[in-house]
Amino acid sequence: MLRAVLCVIFLLRALPASAKESRGHISVVLLGATGDLAKKYLWQGLFQLYRDEVSNGHSFTFHGAALTAPEPGQKMMFEVLKNLACPPDEHPTRCAVLKDQFLKLSQYYQLRTAENYTVLNREIETLLEQEGLEEAGRIFYFSVPPFAYAEIAGHINSSCRPRPGAWLRVVLEKPFGHDLESAQQLAAELRNFFKEEEMYRVDHYLGKQAVAHILPFRDQNRQFLDPIWNRHHVERVEIVLKETVDAKGRASFYEQYGVIRDVLQNHLTEVMMYLAMELPANISSTEDVLQHKLQTFKSLQGLEKTSAVIGQYQAYTSQVQEELQKAQNYFSMTPTFAGVLIHVDSLRWEGVPFILTSGKALDERVGYIRVLFKNRAYCTQSEALRDAEHSQCKAKQIIFYIGHGELNSPAVLVSRNLFRPVMPEGSWREVTDRPQMHLFGQPLSDYYVYSPMKERDAYAMLISSIYHARKDFFITTENLLASWEFWTPLLDSISHQAPRLYPGGRENQHLLDFEMLGQELSFTLAEPVELLHTSKQTPDDYQTIQTKFRNSSLVSAWPEELVSQLASDLEAVAARAVARSGEFHLAVSGGSSPVVLFQRLAKHHYGFPWKRTHLWLVDERCVPLTDPESNFCSLHNHLLQHVRLPYFNLHPMPVHLNWRLCVEEDQGPELYAEEIAALVTNASFDLILLGVGADGHTASLFPRSSSGLGGDQAVVLTESPVKPHQRMSLSLPFINKARQVFILVLGRGKHEIITLLSRVGNEPKKWPISGVRPSSGQLVWYMDYEALLG
């Protein structure tokens, strides 16, 4: 049968009698053959592969597989195959013959049990023997949910691998995990059955023609791009995928993943890598490209909660309630829109914002990548008289247009006042027939515009790459885990954040517009009251619960408002101290809680009197100051490198003396106490910022340890129950000499200790924080609602 098929194709191609001899047989097994993805893209892509390659020496069979029983499964599959189409330039007769042969080579199988896989393998082996064919290899395309991967992989590995000498290629569809931990688990499971070179993880966005051309474009235009592809010339980079459809019918999937996992963590991140990575000498080397991408992942600055804005179209929760049978009082926190600000900490891209944006139920369907260049020119000539090719006042940009939108096709556009790009002849053509169409505020006549000579579906392109064993456009395990490692902290931080509601479509108007404020993103407009969840709690709900805690002042709010208030209060204290004595002495403790305060001060409080501020440490771990465990290192990373604090006003604790850490003979505590006495009036800090541990410790003063809880020493060495054990800390009596003490408490994990502290008295040996009672100063507690109310 196979020989007959090949003969027909050879005749159709009018090949000479000496046509290429058979290079072996390829069996393609499509798992999930009756699913939506298979119906929409995969069968058409496999038919394209057959049309392109059948006369090049290989023979094929196509095995559709699913859980459905054989008879209905066969019927469903052939309904799809009957609708396969050829491109317009294909001769109808040739198309009909190719389609007929493709259908004859396609067979449906029910693959539910281990025995089913054994039968499939036996039928492939029998076919090879009957036709006298050598086996070249097998392709297994997993168009199934990831939870089924491990079981299917085990069956393939145990009973459906090809003969020795033939290759195996396993194609995996996203999602590849839900976060870093689940991705690591899935990768480990697959490694039990397949080698890395056998796995092809599909990100279909990399098959989009405009995306696939980014690296070739950068390579072919090095002479123009090398001087300008950097922070000195690029203003910002926008990577955008907008959709008009919503998640109706897909609520089960979407409720689990949301827009960031569905689009940003994979599609848009991979695009960003192509733009931001250093260009290898040989872009055809898959390994070189991978290594350069991994280096770029390592240089990405970590994402904070404030790096993103998130939204949810208004009808989404009701769709979830209906499709997942949730109660009427259920409210989803899953974002259907997100904008994320990313910075690359490299010499090339320092300070350049990369903005990734995607969402459902938006005003248009479009995808594009836009590199906007800085414009330093001033043009005396009026705008109407400026020539696009020579005027330096017109916007300068390079756009990789992925599709849909105004152009409705893939394209590469370069502003005429940048350069005329080098484009590959025969595959891309210059477009000049739509000069009056506008894109990003400019007529197309302001750009050099190129589109593909022949548009190809992304899946058809990727399936061809799998056949040719080209892994350029596929995601390796290293690449995958690097991406999840980058995105998981943000996903964790916004998991309980209520997204902004938006009505959907054109009615969104400016509701989802956002702006960059330093390292942060925020919506430009306030959220309309009529769009808020009726059950959504606001800070006002709790403002009158209580204003005292342990007989001291209490400030309580949601975390963002709380930290904002604390930062403002701290600046006010600093200003009063400077007005009073000309300087401000601030001592801060370590731990995770102060980090958000440091970031707030660095990014929003430009009027803070840093030049008059002396910064001290409340406590320090006995590690080198450059160690990530060091409180000073955290202070440096989140605050000091962003503000102008005079070097001589910085006072780290002397834990590292004489090449040793916290050795009593080196007298580190005594040295720090002497430094405080010499510089701080009455050895009384203007403000001390403390936190609270879940066990009631504060600074590095721990329960069941008398060290630092009494006596005359200002600074002491202490022992922590957790590593690193050795610490240096201000003593409790010295802390209580401060003019003001602020205690910051964040998170539900602190609710238990806060509840306990509300009931006990002054018992510092059990709970050191209970002994913080300034002798002549003021104590203020700053507590978020989760810590206060659980």
Foldseek 3Di string as FASTA:
>chain_A
DQVVLLVVLCVVVVPDPPFDEAPFEEEEEEECCLDPCNLPPVVLLVLLVCNVPSRNHYTYAYEYEYQDDFPVQQVSNVVSLVPHDDPPVDDPVSGVSSSVVNNVRYGYFYDDDLVSLQVVQVVVVVVCVVVVTHHQAYEYEPPDDLVCVLVVLVSCQPHNGDDPPHAAAYEAEDDCAQFLVSNVVSVVSNVVRDDLLRYFYDDLLCLQPLLVCLLVQCLQFVVQCVVQLFPVWFQAKEWEFEAQADCQVPLVVCLSHADCSVDVLPNVLVSVLSSPFDRDPDLQDLVVSVVSSLVQLVQKDFFDLQQKAFEAAQCSQVSCCVVVVNDPPDDGQGGQWMKGWIFGRDRGTHPHTYIYIYGYLEAFGWTKMKTWTDQPDDDPDDPVPDDLLDDSPDTFMWMFTRAGDPVRATKIKGFNVRDDTDDDPPFKDWDDPQQQDDDPRHGSVRIGMIGTPDGDRSSSSVVSCVVVSRNNRGAGSSNSSSSSVRCVVNCVNCVPPHHQYANGHPRNPQVAPWDDQDSGIDRPDDRDPVSDDPPDDAQVVCQVVDQDFQNAGEDEGAVVVLLVVVLVVVQVLQVVVCVVPNAAEEEEFADDQCLVNQQCCLRPVPVRPQQRYAYEYQKFQQDPCCDPRTRNVSSCVRHVVRDDHDPVSYYYQPQQPPNHGNDVVVVRQVVSQVVLPVPPVVSAHQEYEWEADLQQDIRQQHAQDCWQADDDRQKTWAADPDPPGIMIGGGLVSLLQYQEYEYEYDDLSQQVVSVVLSPDAQDCNRRVNNSNHRPNHHYYYRYYCNNPPD
